[in-house]
Protein backbone atom coordinates (compact mmCIF):
# COMPACT_ATOMS: atom_id res chain seq x y z
CA MET A 1 0.00 0.00 0.00
CA ARG A 2 2.78 2.36 -0.89
CA SER A 3 2.88 4.90 -3.67
CA GLU A 4 5.48 4.96 -6.43
CA ASN A 5 7.82 7.17 -4.38
CA GLY A 6 7.70 4.73 -1.43
CA THR A 7 5.37 6.67 0.88
CA LEU A 8 2.29 5.11 2.40
CA THR A 9 -1.01 5.69 0.68
CA PRO A 10 -4.01 6.93 2.74
CA ARG A 11 -5.31 3.37 2.81
CA GLY A 12 -1.93 2.14 4.00
CA ARG A 13 -1.81 4.73 6.77
CA LEU A 14 -5.31 3.71 7.84
CA ALA A 15 -4.33 0.04 7.89
CA ARG A 16 -1.21 0.81 9.94
CA ARG A 17 -3.28 2.84 12.40
CA GLU A 18 -5.76 -0.01 12.78
CA TRP A 19 -2.99 -2.53 13.41
CA THR A 20 -1.36 -0.22 15.96
CA THR A 21 -4.67 0.23 17.76
CA ALA A 22 -5.26 -3.52 17.77
CA ALA A 23 -1.77 -4.16 19.15
CA LEU A 24 -2.29 -1.66 21.96
CA LEU A 25 -5.72 -3.06 22.86
CA ALA A 26 -4.73 -6.72 22.66
CA PRO A 27 -3.12 -7.01 26.14
CA ALA A 28 -6.08 -5.35 27.87
CA TYR A 29 -8.71 -7.39 26.03
CA SER A 30 -6.72 -10.59 26.53
CA TRP A 31 -6.59 -9.96 30.25
CA LEU A 32 -10.29 -9.11 30.39
CA THR A 33 -11.11 -12.28 28.50
CA LEU A 34 -9.03 -14.33 30.89
CA ALA A 35 -10.27 -12.59 34.03
CA VAL A 36 -13.97 -12.39 33.12
CA PHE A 37 -14.99 -15.10 30.69
CA LEU A 38 -12.83 -17.88 32.09
CA PRO A 39 -14.31 -17.65 35.63
CA LEU A 40 -17.81 -17.21 34.19
CA GLY A 41 -17.32 -20.25 31.98
CA ALA A 42 -16.13 -22.30 34.95
CA MET A 43 -19.13 -21.21 37.06
CA LEU A 44 -21.51 -21.98 34.19
CA PHE A 45 -20.00 -25.48 34.02
CA PHE A 46 -20.42 -25.91 37.79
CA SER A 47 -24.06 -24.82 37.63
CA PHE A 48 -25.01 -27.94 35.64
CA LEU A 49 -23.38 -30.39 38.05
CA LYS A 50 -25.09 -32.36 40.80
CA ALA A 51 -22.15 -31.86 43.13
CA ALA A 52 -18.83 -30.04 43.09
CA PRO A 53 -16.32 -32.30 41.28
CA PHE A 54 -13.73 -32.43 44.05
CA GLY A 55 -12.07 -35.57 45.23
CA ALA A 56 -13.24 -38.78 43.60
CA ARG A 57 -16.75 -37.57 42.76
CA PRO A 58 -17.81 -38.37 39.20
CA LEU A 59 -19.24 -35.70 36.94
CA GLN A 60 -23.04 -35.84 36.93
CA PHE A 61 -24.96 -33.21 35.00
CA THR A 62 -28.42 -31.91 35.85
CA PHE A 63 -30.75 -28.93 35.31
CA ASP A 64 -32.22 -29.22 38.81
CA ASN A 65 -30.13 -26.35 40.17
CA TYR A 66 -31.97 -23.92 37.88
CA LEU A 67 -35.30 -25.07 39.34
CA ALA A 68 -34.35 -23.82 42.80
CA PHE A 69 -36.79 -20.89 42.63
CA VAL A 70 -39.59 -23.35 41.88
CA ARG A 71 -38.67 -25.92 44.52
CA ARG A 72 -37.68 -23.37 47.15
CA PRO A 73 -40.29 -20.59 46.98
CA TYR A 74 -38.63 -18.59 49.77
CA LEU A 75 -35.88 -17.72 47.27
CA ILE A 76 -38.40 -15.59 45.36
CA ASP A 77 -38.87 -13.39 48.45
CA VAL A 78 -35.11 -13.27 48.95
CA ALA A 79 -34.57 -12.27 45.32
CA TRP A 80 -37.23 -9.57 45.58
CA THR A 81 -35.52 -8.22 48.70
CA SER A 82 -32.23 -8.06 46.78
CA ILE A 83 -33.89 -6.24 43.89
CA GLN A 84 -35.51 -3.77 46.31
CA ILE A 85 -32.13 -3.08 47.89
CA GLY A 86 -30.65 -2.54 44.43
CA LEU A 87 -33.44 -0.18 43.39
CA TRP A 88 -33.31 1.84 46.60
CA THR A 89 -29.53 2.11 46.53
CA THR A 90 -29.41 3.04 42.85
CA GLY A 91 -32.25 5.55 43.20
CA LEU A 92 -30.71 7.29 46.21
CA CYS A 93 -27.30 7.37 44.55
CA ALA A 94 -28.89 8.98 41.49
CA LEU A 95 -30.85 11.44 43.64
CA VAL A 96 -27.71 12.55 45.46
CA GLY A 97 -25.05 11.92 42.82
CA LEU A 98 -26.51 13.72 39.82
CA PRO A 99 -26.92 17.13 41.54
CA ALA A 100 -23.47 16.74 43.07
CA ALA A 101 -21.96 15.95 39.68
CA ILE A 102 -23.69 18.92 38.05
CA ALA A 103 -22.45 21.20 40.83
CA LEU A 104 -18.92 19.89 40.37
CA ALA A 105 -19.07 20.41 36.62
CA ARG A 106 -20.67 23.87 36.69
CA ALA A 107 -19.92 25.64 39.94
CA THR A 108 -16.42 24.67 41.05
CA ARG A 109 -13.02 25.14 39.47
CA GLY A 110 -9.39 24.85 40.48
CA ARG A 111 -8.22 23.63 43.88
CA SER A 112 -11.69 23.51 45.42
CA GLN A 113 -12.76 21.05 42.73
CA GLN A 114 -9.70 18.90 43.41
CA VAL A 115 -10.52 18.81 47.12
CA LEU A 116 -14.10 17.78 46.41
CA PHE A 117 -12.96 15.02 44.07
CA LEU A 118 -10.59 13.80 46.79
CA LEU A 119 -13.50 13.58 49.23
CA ILE A 120 -15.57 11.69 46.65
CA VAL A 121 -12.96 8.99 46.01
CA LEU A 122 -11.99 8.74 49.68
CA PRO A 123 -14.23 5.69 50.29
CA PHE A 124 -12.20 3.80 47.66
CA TRP A 125 -9.10 4.23 49.82
CA THR A 126 -10.58 2.53 52.87
CA ASN A 127 -11.05 -1.17 53.41
CA GLY A 128 -14.63 -2.22 52.72
CA LEU A 129 -14.92 -4.28 55.88
CA VAL A 130 -13.63 -1.41 58.02
CA ARG A 131 -16.05 0.95 56.28
CA VAL A 132 -19.04 -1.28 57.02
CA PHE A 133 -18.06 -1.88 60.64
CA SER A 134 -17.65 1.87 61.13
CA TRP A 135 -21.35 2.23 60.33
CA THR A 136 -22.22 -0.18 63.12
CA MET A 137 -20.68 2.32 65.55
CA VAL A 138 -22.84 5.08 64.10
CA LEU A 139 -26.18 3.31 63.70
CA ARG A 140 -26.34 1.15 66.82
CA GLU A 141 -28.26 2.15 69.94
CA GLY A 142 -26.01 4.41 71.97
CA GLY A 143 -23.84 5.01 68.91
CA VAL A 144 -22.67 8.26 67.34
CA LEU A 145 -26.04 9.09 65.76
CA ASP A 146 -27.96 8.33 68.94
CA TYR A 147 -25.48 10.35 71.01
CA ALA A 148 -25.68 13.37 68.69
CA LEU A 149 -29.48 13.25 68.73
CA HIS A 150 -29.61 13.27 72.52
CA LEU A 151 -27.22 16.22 72.67
CA VAL A 152 -29.78 18.22 70.68
CA ALA A 153 -32.95 16.66 72.16
CA PRO A 154 -32.23 14.88 75.47
CA SER A 155 -35.81 13.61 75.78
CA ALA A 156 -35.90 12.05 72.29
CA PRO A 157 -36.22 8.27 72.03
CA SER A 158 -33.15 6.23 71.18
CA VAL A 159 -32.26 5.81 67.52
CA ALA A 160 -31.21 2.26 66.68
CA LEU A 161 -31.03 1.71 62.92
CA LEU A 162 -28.57 -1.15 63.09
CA TYR A 163 -29.87 -4.53 61.87
CA SER A 164 -32.56 -2.94 59.73
CA PHE A 165 -33.33 -2.40 56.06
CA PRO A 166 -32.39 1.32 56.18
CA ALA A 167 -29.00 0.42 57.69
CA ILE A 168 -28.23 -1.78 54.68
CA ILE A 169 -29.21 1.00 52.28
CA ILE A 170 -27.07 3.56 54.13
CA GLY A 171 -24.00 1.34 53.99
CA LEU A 172 -24.47 0.54 50.31
CA VAL A 173 -25.11 4.16 49.30
CA HIS A 174 -21.94 5.17 51.11
CA ALA A 175 -19.98 2.52 49.22
CA TYR A 176 -21.38 3.08 45.72
CA LEU A 177 -22.23 6.78 45.58
CA PRO A 178 -18.82 7.74 44.09
CA TYR A 179 -19.58 5.63 41.00
CA MET A 180 -22.69 7.68 40.29
CA ILE A 181 -21.01 11.02 40.91
CA LEU A 182 -18.02 10.25 38.68
CA THR A 183 -20.03 8.88 35.75
CA CYS A 184 -22.56 11.71 35.89
CA TYR A 185 -19.74 14.24 36.14
CA LEU A 186 -18.30 13.08 32.82
CA SER A 187 -21.65 13.67 31.11
CA ALA A 188 -22.41 16.94 32.91
CA ALA A 189 -18.97 18.38 32.16
CA ALA A 190 -19.53 17.76 28.44
CA ILE A 191 -22.69 19.91 28.32
CA ASP A 192 -21.99 23.11 26.40
CA ASP A 193 -22.78 26.22 28.44
CA ALA A 194 -24.23 27.77 25.28
CA TYR A 195 -27.26 25.48 25.52
CA ILE A 196 -28.07 26.67 29.02
CA GLU A 197 -27.44 30.33 28.16
CA ALA A 198 -29.69 30.05 25.12
CA ALA A 199 -32.45 28.49 27.21
CA ARG A 200 -32.19 31.27 29.79
CA SER A 201 -32.28 33.93 27.08
CA LEU A 202 -35.54 32.40 25.87
CA GLY A 203 -37.04 32.67 29.35
CA ALA A 204 -36.64 29.08 30.56
CA ARG A 205 -36.34 28.70 34.31
CA THR A 206 -34.02 26.36 36.19
CA PRO A 207 -36.47 23.43 36.53
CA MET A 208 -37.25 23.55 32.80
CA ILE A 209 -33.56 23.77 31.90
CA PHE A 210 -32.83 20.77 34.08
CA ALA A 211 -35.70 18.70 32.65
CA LYS A 212 -35.20 19.58 28.97
CA ILE A 213 -31.42 20.03 28.69
CA VAL A 214 -29.34 18.90 31.64
CA LEU A 215 -31.13 15.65 32.44
CA PRO A 216 -31.30 14.29 28.86
CA LEU A 217 -27.66 15.17 28.19
CA SER A 218 -26.62 13.65 31.55
CA LEU A 219 -28.56 10.46 30.88
CA PRO A 220 -25.57 8.44 29.54
CA GLY A 221 -23.67 9.01 32.77
CA LEU A 222 -26.77 8.32 34.83
CA ILE A 223 -27.37 5.00 33.06
CA SER A 224 -23.72 4.01 33.33
CA GLY A 225 -23.74 4.78 37.05
CA ALA A 226 -26.97 2.84 37.53
CA ILE A 227 -25.45 -0.23 35.87
CA LEU A 228 -22.23 0.05 37.89
CA ILE A 229 -24.28 0.23 41.09
CA PHE A 230 -27.31 -2.00 40.57
CA VAL A 231 -25.44 -5.06 39.31
CA PRO A 232 -23.04 -5.48 42.26
CA VAL A 233 -25.53 -4.27 44.87
CA ILE A 234 -28.08 -7.04 44.29
CA GLY A 235 -25.28 -9.55 44.82
CA SER A 236 -23.69 -7.83 47.80
CA PHE A 237 -23.40 -9.85 50.99
CA MET A 238 -21.06 -7.96 53.32
CA GLU A 239 -23.30 -4.95 54.03
CA PRO A 240 -26.54 -6.99 54.37
CA ARG A 241 -24.89 -9.52 56.67
CA ILE A 242 -23.17 -6.99 58.97
CA LEU A 243 -25.66 -4.11 58.93
CA GLY A 244 -28.85 -6.09 58.35
CA GLY A 245 -28.50 -9.00 60.75
CA ARG A 246 -31.55 -11.22 60.53
CA VAL A 247 -33.27 -8.94 58.01
CA GLY A 248 -30.19 -8.95 55.78
CA VAL A 249 -30.95 -12.24 54.02
CA THR A 250 -30.36 -11.48 50.34
CA MET A 251 -29.35 -13.44 47.29
CA GLY A 252 -25.78 -12.40 47.97
CA THR A 253 -25.79 -13.94 51.43
CA VAL A 254 -27.60 -17.06 50.20
CA ILE A 255 -25.08 -17.57 47.38
CA GLU A 256 -22.21 -16.98 49.77
CA ASP A 257 -23.62 -19.61 52.13
CA GLN A 258 -23.80 -22.11 49.28
CA PHE A 259 -20.13 -21.63 48.48
CA VAL A 260 -18.71 -21.19 51.99
CA GLN A 261 -20.93 -23.15 54.38
CA ALA A 262 -23.03 -25.66 52.44
CA PHE A 263 -20.24 -26.24 49.90
CA ASN A 264 -22.94 -26.57 47.25
CA TRP A 265 -21.11 -24.79 44.46
CA PRO A 266 -23.46 -25.93 41.66
CA LEU A 267 -26.50 -24.42 43.38
CA GLY A 268 -24.62 -21.22 44.18
CA ALA A 269 -23.49 -20.91 40.56
CA ALA A 270 -27.01 -21.55 39.25
CA LEU A 271 -28.46 -18.91 41.58
CA SER A 272 -25.81 -16.45 40.39
CA PHE A 273 -26.65 -16.97 36.73
CA THR A 274 -30.38 -16.81 37.46
CA MET A 275 -29.94 -13.42 39.11
CA LEU A 276 -27.76 -12.33 36.21
CA ALA A 277 -30.59 -13.19 33.83
CA VAL A 278 -33.04 -11.19 35.99
CA VAL A 279 -30.69 -8.18 35.92
CA LEU A 280 -30.36 -8.37 32.13
CA ILE A 281 -34.14 -8.50 31.76
CA ILE A 282 -34.56 -5.47 34.05
CA PHE A 283 -32.00 -3.46 32.13
CA GLY A 284 -33.45 -4.54 28.80
CA VAL A 285 -36.94 -3.37 29.75
CA SER A 286 -35.70 -0.14 31.36
CA SER A 287 -33.45 0.75 28.42
CA ARG A 288 -36.36 0.35 26.00
CA ALA A 289 -38.56 2.51 28.22
CA LEU A 290 -35.89 5.21 28.48
CA SER A 291 -35.25 5.13 24.73
CA ALA A 292 -38.96 5.53 24.03
CA ARG A 293 -39.31 8.30 26.62
CA PHE A 294 -36.41 10.48 25.54
CA GLY A 295 -36.52 9.50 21.89
CA ALA A 296 -39.98 10.95 21.61
CA GLN A 297 -38.85 14.35 22.88
């Protein structure tokens, strides 16, 4: 693909650029393939076994593990609890994260913005187990929250949120809120100020500007943040187990018990893939609804 004088033709330069891009992406995609699809393939194989193939056990295949929700109806309630936790956590993260991201993108510059970003990513620098246990000191009866309340209102009843549904949500929102803020920030920072100035010049007020301009243009970041939060939250087990106690029975804790205590890896793998299918269905339906809603505008 060289010309008569030995230089590369436009097609040759394009081909070289494509090969360079492929060479640079190959290590990352190879690692992702090894780190993602290989474990998933192994777990999919386990999900069709009658028992974990350790020791001298022969390989026996079955579909019974995928009938667990039919044969064990309590799992439906557990799955619904997990979905509720995912919806509440994702919704609260969106409610708090989107305004924070817009404020970061529009109102702050320079060192103050750097400090705020540092505070946002601070939870990533702390151990997850330490972070969850710190909430037990805040939410328990006689804890930090209860103590602060009685300093303001000595006659107020004790506040004991530990081992409750709200405690689980608080711990999960604290852990996953940075994902929503960072993804929404990328979308909000890309909004051209000229759009907002034009809307103001035409008499649009702040709520209308948010609904017609900011929210639709921030939607990619909002959806990305929702995916990054909802998927791991419905499978979380540390926060529900520590902060929820007896009410913290979720699919994450059930699957963990199958792997760690019952040593029933096939059932745990089948439950994992069943929940993955439920998540894909939820996102498929919601993406169609969002596309129809904003595509019609």
